[in-house]
Amino acid sequence: RLSCAVSGIMFRIGNMAWYREAPGRERELVASITSGD
């Protein structure tokens, strides 16, 4: 289970996504989740 935590003040998180990059491969989109889930 991977986690990505965002901290700070005066902001709101919108769309979020996970990418992956294997050796010798292009970075690819794995999953995404919008602000509306």
PDB file of all heavy atoms in Angstrom:
ATOM      1  N   ARG A   1       0.853  -1.180   0.000  1.00  0.00           N
ATOM      2  CA  ARG A   1       0.000   0.000   0.000  1.00  0.00           C
ATOM      3  C   ARG A   1       0.892   1.234   0.000  1.00  0.00           C
ATOM      4  O   ARG A   1       1.653   1.450   0.940  1.00  0.00           O
ATOM      5  CB  ARG A   1      -0.920   0.013   1.219  1.00  0.00           C
ATOM      6  CG  ARG A   1      -1.936   1.158   1.217  1.00  0.00           C
ATOM      7  CD  ARG A   1      -2.881   1.054   2.408  1.00  0.00           C
ATOM      8  NE  ARG A   1      -3.857   2.134   2.447  1.00  0.00           N
ATOM      9  CZ  ARG A   1      -5.016   2.123   1.822  1.00  0.00           C
ATOM     10  NH1 ARG A   1      -5.367   1.060   1.090  1.00  0.00           N
ATOM     11  NH2 ARG A   1      -5.847   3.152   1.916  1.00  0.00           N
ATOM     12  N   LEU A   2       0.782   2.021  -1.042  1.00  0.00           N
ATOM     13  CA  LEU A   2       1.531   3.250  -1.156  1.00  0.00           C
ATOM     14  C   LEU A   2       0.697   4.417  -0.642  1.00  0.00           C
ATOM     15  O   LEU A   2      -0.524   4.426  -0.772  1.00  0.00           O
ATOM     16  CB  LEU A   2       1.938   3.515  -2.603  1.00  0.00           C
ATOM     17  CG  LEU A   2       2.696   2.403  -3.329  1.00  0.00           C
ATOM     18  CD1 LEU A   2       3.098   2.870  -4.721  1.00  0.00           C
ATOM     19  CD2 LEU A   2       3.923   1.977  -2.535  1.00  0.00           C
ATOM     20  N   SER A   3       1.382   5.388  -0.078  1.00  0.00           N
ATOM     21  CA  SER A   3       0.710   6.557   0.446  1.00  0.00           C
ATOM     22  C   SER A   3       1.402   7.819  -0.043  1.00  0.00           C
ATOM     23  O   SER A   3       2.628   7.856  -0.172  1.00  0.00           O
ATOM     24  CB  SER A   3       0.694   6.524   1.975  1.00  0.00           C
ATOM     25  OG  SER A   3       0.061   7.669   2.511  1.00  0.00           O
ATOM     26  N   CYS A   4       0.620   8.831  -0.296  1.00  0.00           N
ATOM     27  CA  CYS A   4       1.133  10.131  -0.717  1.00  0.00           C
ATOM     28  C   CYS A   4       0.429  11.183   0.122  1.00  0.00           C
ATOM     29  O   CYS A   4      -0.780  11.402  -0.030  1.00  0.00           O
ATOM     30  CB  CYS A   4       0.875  10.343  -2.209  1.00  0.00           C
ATOM     31  SG  CYS A   4       1.450  11.922  -2.856  1.00  0.00           S
ATOM     32  N   ALA A   5       1.177  11.815   1.000  1.00  0.00           N
ATOM     33  CA  ALA A   5       0.611  12.800   1.912  1.00  0.00           C
ATOM     34  C   ALA A   5       1.013  14.216   1.512  1.00  0.00           C
ATOM     35  O   ALA A   5       2.178  14.481   1.220  1.00  0.00           O
ATOM     36  CB  ALA A   5       1.065  12.516   3.344  1.00  0.00           C
ATOM     37  N   VAL A   6       0.047  15.105   1.527  1.00  0.00           N
ATOM     38  CA  VAL A   6       0.275  16.500   1.172  1.00  0.00           C
ATOM     39  C   VAL A   6       0.050  17.352   2.405  1.00  0.00           C
ATOM     40  O   VAL A   6      -0.998  17.267   3.050  1.00  0.00           O
ATOM     41  CB  VAL A   6      -0.661  16.959   0.042  1.00  0.00           C
ATOM     42  CG1 VAL A   6      -0.338  18.391  -0.369  1.00  0.00           C
ATOM     43  CG2 VAL A   6      -0.565  16.022  -1.146  1.00  0.00           C
ATOM     44  N   SER A   7       1.014  18.174   2.739  1.00  0.00           N
ATOM     45  CA  SER A   7       0.905  19.025   3.911  1.00  0.00           C
ATOM     46  C   SER A   7       1.152  20.479   3.542  1.00  0.00           C
ATOM     47  O   SER A   7       1.761  20.785   2.516  1.00  0.00           O
ATOM     48  CB  SER A   7       1.897  18.591   4.992  1.00  0.00           C
ATOM     49  OG  SER A   7       3.234  18.737   4.551  1.00  0.00           O
ATOM     50  N   GLY A   8       0.679  21.361   4.408  1.00  0.00           N
ATOM     51  CA  GLY A   8       0.842  22.778   4.185  1.00  0.00           C
ATOM     52  C   GLY A   8      -0.401  23.521   4.618  1.00  0.00           C
ATOM     53  O   GLY A   8      -1.267  22.975   5.311  1.00  0.00           O
ATOM     54  N   ILE A   9      -0.495  24.766   4.225  1.00  0.00           N
ATOM     55  CA  ILE A   9      -1.646  25.581   4.581  1.00  0.00           C
ATOM     56  C   ILE A   9      -2.157  26.313   3.352  1.00  0.00           C
ATOM     57  O   ILE A   9      -1.445  26.479   2.359  1.00  0.00           O
ATOM     58  CB  ILE A   9      -1.304  26.604   5.692  1.00  0.00           C
ATOM     59  CG1 ILE A   9      -0.176  27.539   5.242  1.00  0.00           C
ATOM     60  CG2 ILE A   9      -0.928  25.880   6.973  1.00  0.00           C
ATOM     61  CD1 ILE A   9       0.104  28.658   6.210  1.00  0.00           C
ATOM     62  N   MET A  10      -3.405  26.743   3.436  1.00  0.00           N
ATOM     63  CA  MET A  10      -4.022  27.568   2.405  1.00  0.00           C
ATOM     64  C   MET A  10      -4.036  26.889   1.037  1.00  0.00           C
ATOM     65  O   MET A  10      -3.654  27.482   0.022  1.00  0.00           O
ATOM     66  CB  MET A  10      -3.303  28.922   2.310  1.00  0.00           C
ATOM     67  CG  MET A  10      -3.402  29.775   3.576  1.00  0.00           C
ATOM     68  SD  MET A  10      -5.080  30.357   3.920  1.00  0.00           S
ATOM     69  CE  MET A  10      -5.598  29.191   5.190  1.00  0.00           C
ATOM     70  N   PHE A  11      -4.478  25.652   1.014  1.00  0.00           N
ATOM     71  CA  PHE A  11      -4.598  24.944  -0.244  1.00  0.00           C
ATOM     72  C   PHE A  11      -5.703  23.906  -0.179  1.00  0.00           C
ATOM     73  O   PHE A  11      -6.166  23.513   0.895  1.00  0.00           O
ATOM     74  CB  PHE A  11      -3.271  24.274  -0.625  1.00  0.00           C
ATOM     75  CG  PHE A  11      -2.934  23.072   0.207  1.00  0.00           C
ATOM     76  CD1 PHE A  11      -3.336  21.805  -0.199  1.00  0.00           C
ATOM     77  CD2 PHE A  11      -2.219  23.194   1.381  1.00  0.00           C
ATOM     78  CE1 PHE A  11      -3.031  20.685   0.555  1.00  0.00           C
ATOM     79  CE2 PHE A  11      -1.911  22.081   2.147  1.00  0.00           C
ATOM     80  CZ  PHE A  11      -2.318  20.830   1.738  1.00  0.00           C
ATOM     81  N   ARG A  12      -6.117  23.461  -1.348  1.00  0.00           N
ATOM     82  CA  ARG A  12      -7.093  22.386  -1.468  1.00  0.00           C
ATOM     83  C   ARG A  12      -6.612  21.436  -2.550  1.00  0.00           C
ATOM     84  O   ARG A  12      -6.202  21.870  -3.623  1.00  0.00           O
ATOM     85  CB  ARG A  12      -8.478  22.942  -1.810  1.00  0.00           C
ATOM     86  CG  ARG A  12      -9.537  21.873  -2.076  1.00  0.00           C
ATOM     87  CD  ARG A  12     -10.912  22.498  -2.196  1.00  0.00           C
ATOM     88  NE  ARG A  12     -10.968  23.524  -3.227  1.00  0.00           N
ATOM     89  CZ  ARG A  12     -11.167  23.291  -4.517  1.00  0.00           C
ATOM     90  NH1 ARG A  12     -11.336  22.043  -4.948  1.00  0.00           N
ATOM     91  NH2 ARG A  12     -11.210  24.294  -5.380  1.00  0.00           N
ATOM     92  N   ILE A  13      -6.669  20.155  -2.279  1.00  0.00           N
ATOM     93  CA  ILE A  13      -6.192  19.156  -3.215  1.00  0.00           C
ATOM     94  C   ILE A  13      -7.246  18.859  -4.274  1.00  0.00           C
ATOM     95  O   ILE A  13      -8.416  18.647  -3.961  1.00  0.00           O
ATOM     96  CB  ILE A  13      -5.805  17.857  -2.495  1.00  0.00           C
ATOM     97  CG1 ILE A  13      -4.675  18.126  -1.499  1.00  0.00           C
ATOM     98  CG2 ILE A  13      -5.383  16.785  -3.492  1.00  0.00           C
ATOM     99  CD1 ILE A  13      -4.313  16.925  -0.661  1.00  0.00           C
ATOM    100  N   GLY A  14      -6.810  18.846  -5.518  1.00  0.00           N
ATOM    101  CA  GLY A  14      -7.692  18.501  -6.617  1.00  0.00           C
ATOM    102  C   GLY A  14      -7.466  17.072  -7.061  1.00  0.00           C
ATOM    103  O   GLY A  14      -7.504  16.137  -6.261  1.00  0.00           O
ATOM    104  N   ASN A  15      -7.221  16.892  -8.348  1.00  0.00           N
ATOM    105  CA  ASN A  15      -6.985  15.554  -8.877  1.00  0.00           C
ATOM    106  C   ASN A  15      -5.651  14.998  -8.391  1.00  0.00           C
ATOM    107  O   ASN A  15      -4.679  15.737  -8.214  1.00  0.00           O
ATOM    108  CB  ASN A  15      -6.999  15.571 -10.402  1.00  0.00           C
ATOM    109  CG  ASN A  15      -8.337  15.994 -10.965  1.00  0.00           C
ATOM    110  OD1 ASN A  15      -9.366  15.887 -10.298  1.00  0.00           O
ATOM    111  ND2 ASN A  15      -8.332  16.469 -12.204  1.00  0.00           N
ATOM    112  N   MET A  16      -5.604  13.691  -8.195  1.00  0.00           N
ATOM    113  CA  MET A  16      -4.391  13.019  -7.774  1.00  0.00           C
ATOM    114  C   MET A  16      -4.187  11.798  -8.664  1.00  0.00           C
ATOM    115  O   MET A  16      -5.152  11.222  -9.167  1.00  0.00           O
ATOM    116  CB  MET A  16      -4.472  12.601  -6.303  1.00  0.00           C
ATOM    117  CG  MET A  16      -4.869  13.722  -5.361  1.00  0.00           C
ATOM    118  SD  MET A  16      -4.990  13.208  -3.627  1.00  0.00           S
ATOM    119  CE  MET A  16      -3.260  13.293  -3.146  1.00  0.00           C
ATOM    120  N   ALA A  17      -2.934  11.410  -8.840  1.00  0.00           N
ATOM    121  CA  ALA A  17      -2.635  10.287  -9.719  1.00  0.00           C
ATOM    122  C   ALA A  17      -1.360   9.585  -9.295  1.00  0.00           C
ATOM    123  O   ALA A  17      -0.522  10.145  -8.592  1.00  0.00           O
ATOM    124  CB  ALA A  17      -2.516  10.760 -11.166  1.00  0.00           C
ATOM    125  N   TRP A  18      -1.236   8.349  -9.745  1.00  0.00           N
ATOM    126  CA  TRP A  18      -0.034   7.564  -9.550  1.00  0.00           C
ATOM    127  C   TRP A  18       0.559   7.203 -10.903  1.00  0.00           C
ATOM    128  O   TRP A  18      -0.160   6.736 -11.797  1.00  0.00           O
ATOM    129  CB  TRP A  18      -0.321   6.279  -8.771  1.00  0.00           C
ATOM    130  CG  TRP A  18      -0.624   6.497  -7.329  1.00  0.00           C
ATOM    131  CD1 TRP A  18      -1.854   6.571  -6.751  1.00  0.00           C
ATOM    132  CD2 TRP A  18       0.325   6.648  -6.274  1.00  0.00           C
ATOM    133  NE1 TRP A  18      -1.733   6.771  -5.399  1.00  0.00           N
ATOM    134  CE2 TRP A  18      -0.411   6.823  -5.083  1.00  0.00           C
ATOM    135  CE3 TRP A  18       1.715   6.662  -6.216  1.00  0.00           C
ATOM    136  CZ2 TRP A  18       0.212   6.999  -3.846  1.00  0.00           C
ATOM    137  CZ3 TRP A  18       2.326   6.853  -4.998  1.00  0.00           C
ATOM    138  CH2 TRP A  18       1.577   7.017  -3.830  1.00  0.00           C
ATOM    139  N   TYR A  19       1.848   7.426 -11.041  1.00  0.00           N
ATOM    140  CA  TYR A  19       2.601   7.035 -12.212  1.00  0.00           C
ATOM    141  C   TYR A  19       3.686   6.057 -11.792  1.00  0.00           C
ATOM    142  O   TYR A  19       4.046   5.977 -10.615  1.00  0.00           O
ATOM    143  CB  TYR A  19       3.268   8.248 -12.876  1.00  0.00           C
ATOM    144  CG  TYR A  19       2.314   9.220 -13.532  1.00  0.00           C
ATOM    145  CD1 TYR A  19       1.577  10.125 -12.783  1.00  0.00           C
ATOM    146  CD2 TYR A  19       2.172   9.247 -14.924  1.00  0.00           C
ATOM    147  CE1 TYR A  19       0.717  11.026 -13.382  1.00  0.00           C
ATOM    148  CE2 TYR A  19       1.322  10.148 -15.536  1.00  0.00           C
ATOM    149  CZ  TYR A  19       0.595  11.035 -14.760  1.00  0.00           C
ATOM    150  OH  TYR A  19      -0.249  11.936 -15.367  1.00  0.00           O
ATOM    151  N   ARG A  20       4.215   5.323 -12.748  1.00  0.00           N
ATOM    152  CA  ARG A  20       5.347   4.467 -12.457  1.00  0.00           C
ATOM    153  C   ARG A  20       6.331   4.489 -13.618  1.00  0.00           C
ATOM    154  O   ARG A  20       5.953   4.708 -14.764  1.00  0.00           O
ATOM    155  CB  ARG A  20       4.914   3.031 -12.159  1.00  0.00           C
ATOM    156  CG  ARG A  20       4.333   2.259 -13.334  1.00  0.00           C
ATOM    157  CD  ARG A  20       3.841   0.898 -12.865  1.00  0.00           C
ATOM    158  NE  ARG A  20       3.283   0.114 -13.957  1.00  0.00           N
ATOM    159  CZ  ARG A  20       2.661  -1.049 -13.781  1.00  0.00           C
ATOM    160  NH1 ARG A  20       2.517  -1.556 -12.555  1.00  0.00           N
ATOM    161  NH2 ARG A  20       2.182  -1.707 -14.830  1.00  0.00           N
ATOM    162  N   GLU A  21       7.585   4.266 -13.281  1.00  0.00           N
ATOM    163  CA  GLU A  21       8.651   4.274 -14.261  1.00  0.00           C
ATOM    164  C   GLU A  21       9.569   3.093 -14.007  1.00  0.00           C
ATOM    165  O   GLU A  21      10.277   3.049 -13.006  1.00  0.00           O
ATOM    166  CB  GLU A  21       9.422   5.595 -14.186  1.00  0.00           C
ATOM    167  CG  GLU A  21      10.457   5.769 -15.273  1.00  0.00           C
ATOM    168  CD  GLU A  21      11.061   7.157 -15.260  1.00  0.00           C
ATOM    169  OE1 GLU A  21      10.456   8.073 -14.676  1.00  0.00           O
ATOM    170  OE2 GLU A  21      12.149   7.331 -15.838  1.00  0.00           O
ATOM    171  N   ALA A  22       9.542   2.131 -14.916  1.00  0.00           N
ATOM    172  CA  ALA A  22      10.406   0.966 -14.833  1.00  0.00           C
ATOM    173  C   ALA A  22      11.702   1.252 -15.582  1.00  0.00           C
ATOM    174  O   ALA A  22      11.737   2.116 -16.467  1.00  0.00           O
ATOM    175  CB  ALA A  22       9.705  -0.253 -15.419  1.00  0.00           C
ATOM    176  N   PRO A  23      12.781   0.548 -15.253  1.00  0.00           N
ATOM    177  CA  PRO A  23      14.055   0.762 -15.941  1.00  0.00           C
ATOM    178  C   PRO A  23      13.920   0.609 -17.454  1.00  0.00           C
ATOM    179  O   PRO A  23      13.385  -0.388 -17.937  1.00  0.00           O
ATOM    180  CB  PRO A  23      14.951  -0.324 -15.357  1.00  0.00           C
ATOM    181  CG  PRO A  23      14.381  -0.588 -14.005  1.00  0.00           C
ATOM    182  CD  PRO A  23      12.892  -0.462 -14.183  1.00  0.00           C
ATOM    183  N   GLY A  24      14.383   1.606 -18.184  1.00  0.00           N
ATOM    184  CA  GLY A  24      14.323   1.561 -19.628  1.00  0.00           C
ATOM    185  C   GLY A  24      12.948   1.778 -20.220  1.00  0.00           C
ATOM    186  O   GLY A  24      12.771   1.646 -21.430  1.00  0.00           O
ATOM    187  N   ARG A  25      11.987   2.121 -19.396  1.00  0.00           N
ATOM    188  CA  ARG A  25      10.621   2.320 -19.856  1.00  0.00           C
ATOM    189  C   ARG A  25      10.183   3.768 -19.636  1.00  0.00           C
ATOM    190  O   ARG A  25      10.749   4.485 -18.809  1.00  0.00           O
ATOM    191  CB  ARG A  25       9.659   1.392 -19.115  1.00  0.00           C
ATOM    192  CG  ARG A  25      10.002  -0.098 -19.208  1.00  0.00           C
ATOM    193  CD  ARG A  25       9.152  -0.786 -20.235  1.00  0.00           C
ATOM    194  NE  ARG A  25       7.747  -0.782 -19.831  1.00  0.00           N
ATOM    195  CZ  ARG A  25       7.181  -1.687 -19.033  1.00  0.00           C
ATOM    196  NH1 ARG A  25       7.902  -2.678 -18.532  1.00  0.00           N
ATOM    197  NH2 ARG A  25       5.896  -1.608 -18.739  1.00  0.00           N
ATOM    198  N   GLU A  26       9.190   4.179 -20.388  1.00  0.00           N
ATOM    199  CA  GLU A  26       8.633   5.514 -20.214  1.00  0.00           C
ATOM    200  C   GLU A  26       7.731   5.546 -18.987  1.00  0.00           C
ATOM    201  O   GLU A  26       7.119   4.540 -18.618  1.00  0.00           O
ATOM    202  CB  GLU A  26       7.837   5.919 -21.452  1.00  0.00           C
ATOM    203  CG  GLU A  26       8.655   6.036 -22.732  1.00  0.00           C
ATOM    204  CD  GLU A  26       9.636   7.175 -22.670  1.00  0.00           C
ATOM    205  OE1 GLU A  26       9.252   8.249 -22.170  1.00  0.00           O
ATOM    206  OE2 GLU A  26      10.778   6.988 -23.112  1.00  0.00           O
ATOM    207  N   ARG A  27       7.670   6.695 -18.362  1.00  0.00           N
ATOM    208  CA  ARG A  27       6.769   6.859 -17.237  1.00  0.00           C
ATOM    209  C   ARG A  27       5.323   6.717 -17.720  1.00  0.00           C
ATOM    210  O   ARG A  27       4.937   7.306 -18.733  1.00  0.00           O
ATOM    211  CB  ARG A  27       6.973   8.227 -16.578  1.00  0.00           C
ATOM    212  CG  ARG A  27       6.154   8.430 -15.314  1.00  0.00           C
ATOM    213  CD  ARG A  27       6.514   9.726 -14.604  1.00  0.00           C
ATOM    214  NE  ARG A  27       7.906   9.739 -14.172  1.00  0.00           N
ATOM    215  CZ  ARG A  27       8.439  10.687 -13.416  1.00  0.00           C
ATOM    216  NH1 ARG A  27       7.692  11.698 -13.000  1.00  0.00           N
ATOM    217  NH2 ARG A  27       9.717  10.625 -13.083  1.00  0.00           N
ATOM    218  N   GLU A  28       4.545   5.925 -17.013  1.00  0.00           N
ATOM    219  CA  GLU A  28       3.175   5.673 -17.422  1.00  0.00           C
ATOM    220  C   GLU A  28       2.194   5.946 -16.289  1.00  0.00           C
ATOM    221  O   GLU A  28       2.512   5.798 -15.112  1.00  0.00           O
ATOM    222  CB  GLU A  28       3.012   4.217 -17.898  1.00  0.00           C
ATOM    223  CG  GLU A  28       3.241   3.177 -16.812  1.00  0.00           C
ATOM    224  CD  GLU A  28       2.954   1.758 -17.269  1.00  0.00           C
ATOM    225  OE1 GLU A  28       2.340   1.583 -18.343  1.00  0.00           O
ATOM    226  OE2 GLU A  28       3.346   0.814 -16.549  1.00  0.00           O
ATOM    227  N   LEU A  29       1.006   6.331 -16.679  1.00  0.00           N
ATOM    228  CA  LEU A  29      -0.064   6.568 -15.720  1.00  0.00           C
ATOM    229  C   LEU A  29      -0.626   5.238 -15.258  1.00  0.00           C
ATOM    230  O   LEU A  29      -1.032   4.410 -16.072  1.00  0.00           O
ATOM    231  CB  LEU A  29      -1.156   7.424 -16.346  1.00  0.00           C
ATOM    232  CG  LEU A  29      -2.392   7.709 -15.486  1.00  0.00           C
ATOM    233  CD1 LEU A  29      -2.016   8.533 -14.265  1.00  0.00           C
ATOM    234  CD2 LEU A  29      -3.452   8.439 -16.310  1.00  0.00           C
ATOM    235  N   VAL A  30      -0.675   5.041 -13.953  1.00  0.00           N
ATOM    236  CA  VAL A  30      -1.173   3.806 -13.366  1.00  0.00           C
ATOM    237  C   VAL A  30      -2.612   3.959 -12.898  1.00  0.00           C
ATOM    238  O   VAL A  30      -3.465   3.113 -13.168  1.00  0.00           O
ATOM    239  CB  VAL A  30      -0.287   3.359 -12.191  1.00  0.00           C
ATOM    240  CG1 VAL A  30      -0.853   2.104 -11.534  1.00  0.00           C
ATOM    241  CG2 VAL A  30       1.133   3.110 -12.668  1.00  0.00           C
ATOM    242  N   ALA A  31      -2.875   5.013 -12.163  1.00  0.00           N
ATOM    243  CA  ALA A  31      -4.197   5.242 -11.609  1.00  0.00           C
ATOM    244  C   ALA A  31      -4.399   6.719 -11.346  1.00  0.00           C
ATOM    245  O   ALA A  31      -3.447   7.458 -11.142  1.00  0.00           O
ATOM    246  CB  ALA A  31      -4.386   4.448 -10.314  1.00  0.00           C
ATOM    247  N   SER A  32      -5.639   7.137 -11.343  1.00  0.00           N
ATOM    248  CA  SER A  32      -5.963   8.517 -11.032  1.00  0.00           C
ATOM    249  C   SER A  32      -7.258   8.566 -10.249  1.00  0.00           C
ATOM    250  O   SER A  32      -8.096   7.666 -10.341  1.00  0.00           O
ATOM    251  CB  SER A  32      -6.075   9.367 -12.305  1.00  0.00           C
ATOM    252  OG  SER A  32      -7.144   8.926 -13.118  1.00  0.00           O
ATOM    253  N   ILE A  33      -7.406   9.627  -9.482  1.00  0.00           N
ATOM    254  CA  ILE A  33      -8.633   9.837  -8.724  1.00  0.00           C
ATOM    255  C   ILE A  33      -8.893  11.328  -8.670  1.00  0.00           C
ATOM    256  O   ILE A  33      -8.020  12.117  -8.311  1.00  0.00           O
ATOM    257  CB  ILE A  33      -8.540   9.213  -7.309  1.00  0.00           C
ATOM    258  CG1 ILE A  33      -9.849   9.422  -6.543  1.00  0.00           C
ATOM    259  CG2 ILE A  33      -7.347   9.763  -6.536  1.00  0.00           C
ATOM    260  CD1 ILE A  33      -9.932   8.587  -5.280  1.00  0.00           C
ATOM    261  N   THR A  34     -10.089  11.720  -9.049  1.00  0.00           N
ATOM    262  CA  THR A  34     -10.444  13.123  -9.094  1.00  0.00           C
ATOM    263  C   THR A  34     -10.888  13.610  -7.725  1.00  0.00           C
ATOM    264  O   THR A  34     -11.044  12.840  -6.784  1.00  0.00           O
ATOM    265  CB  THR A  34     -11.557  13.381 -10.105  1.00  0.00           C
ATOM    266  OG1 THR A  34     -12.776  12.789  -9.631  1.00  0.00           O
ATOM    267  CG2 THR A  34     -11.210  12.786 -11.466  1.00  0.00           C
ATOM    268  N   SER A  35     -11.107  14.911  -7.634  1.00  0.00           N
ATOM    269  CA  SER A  35     -11.591  15.487  -6.390  1.00  0.00           C
ATOM    270  C   SER A  35     -12.978  14.973  -6.034  1.00  0.00           C
ATOM    271  O   SER A  35     -13.383  15.036  -4.878  1.00  0.00           O
ATOM    272  CB  SER A  35     -11.617  17.016  -6.488  1.00  0.00           C
ATOM    273  OG  SER A  35     -12.441  17.449  -7.560  1.00  0.00           O
ATOM    274  N   GLY A  36     -13.692  14.449  -7.027  1.00  0.00           N
ATOM    275  CA  GLY A  36     -15.003  13.863  -6.805  1.00  0.00           C
ATOM    276  C   GLY A  36     -14.965  12.355  -6.644  1.00  0.00           C
ATOM    277  O   GLY A  36     -16.005  11.702  -6.724  1.00  0.00           O
ATOM    278  N   ASP A  37     -13.780  11.794  -6.444  1.00  0.00           N
ATOM    279  CA  ASP A  37     -13.569  10.364  -6.197  1.00  0.00           C
ATOM    280  C   ASP A  37     -13.853   9.490  -7.412  1.00  0.00           C
ATOM    281  O   ASP A  37     -14.148   8.297  -7.269  1.00  0.00           O
ATOM    282  CB  ASP A  37     -14.393   9.874  -5.014  1.00  0.00           C
ATOM    283  CG  ASP A  37     -13.876  10.368  -3.686  1.00  0.00           C
ATOM    284  OD1 ASP A  37     -12.694  10.760  -3.615  1.00  0.00           O
ATOM    285  OD2 ASP A  37     -14.650  10.362  -2.711  1.00  0.00           O
TER     286      ASP A  37
END
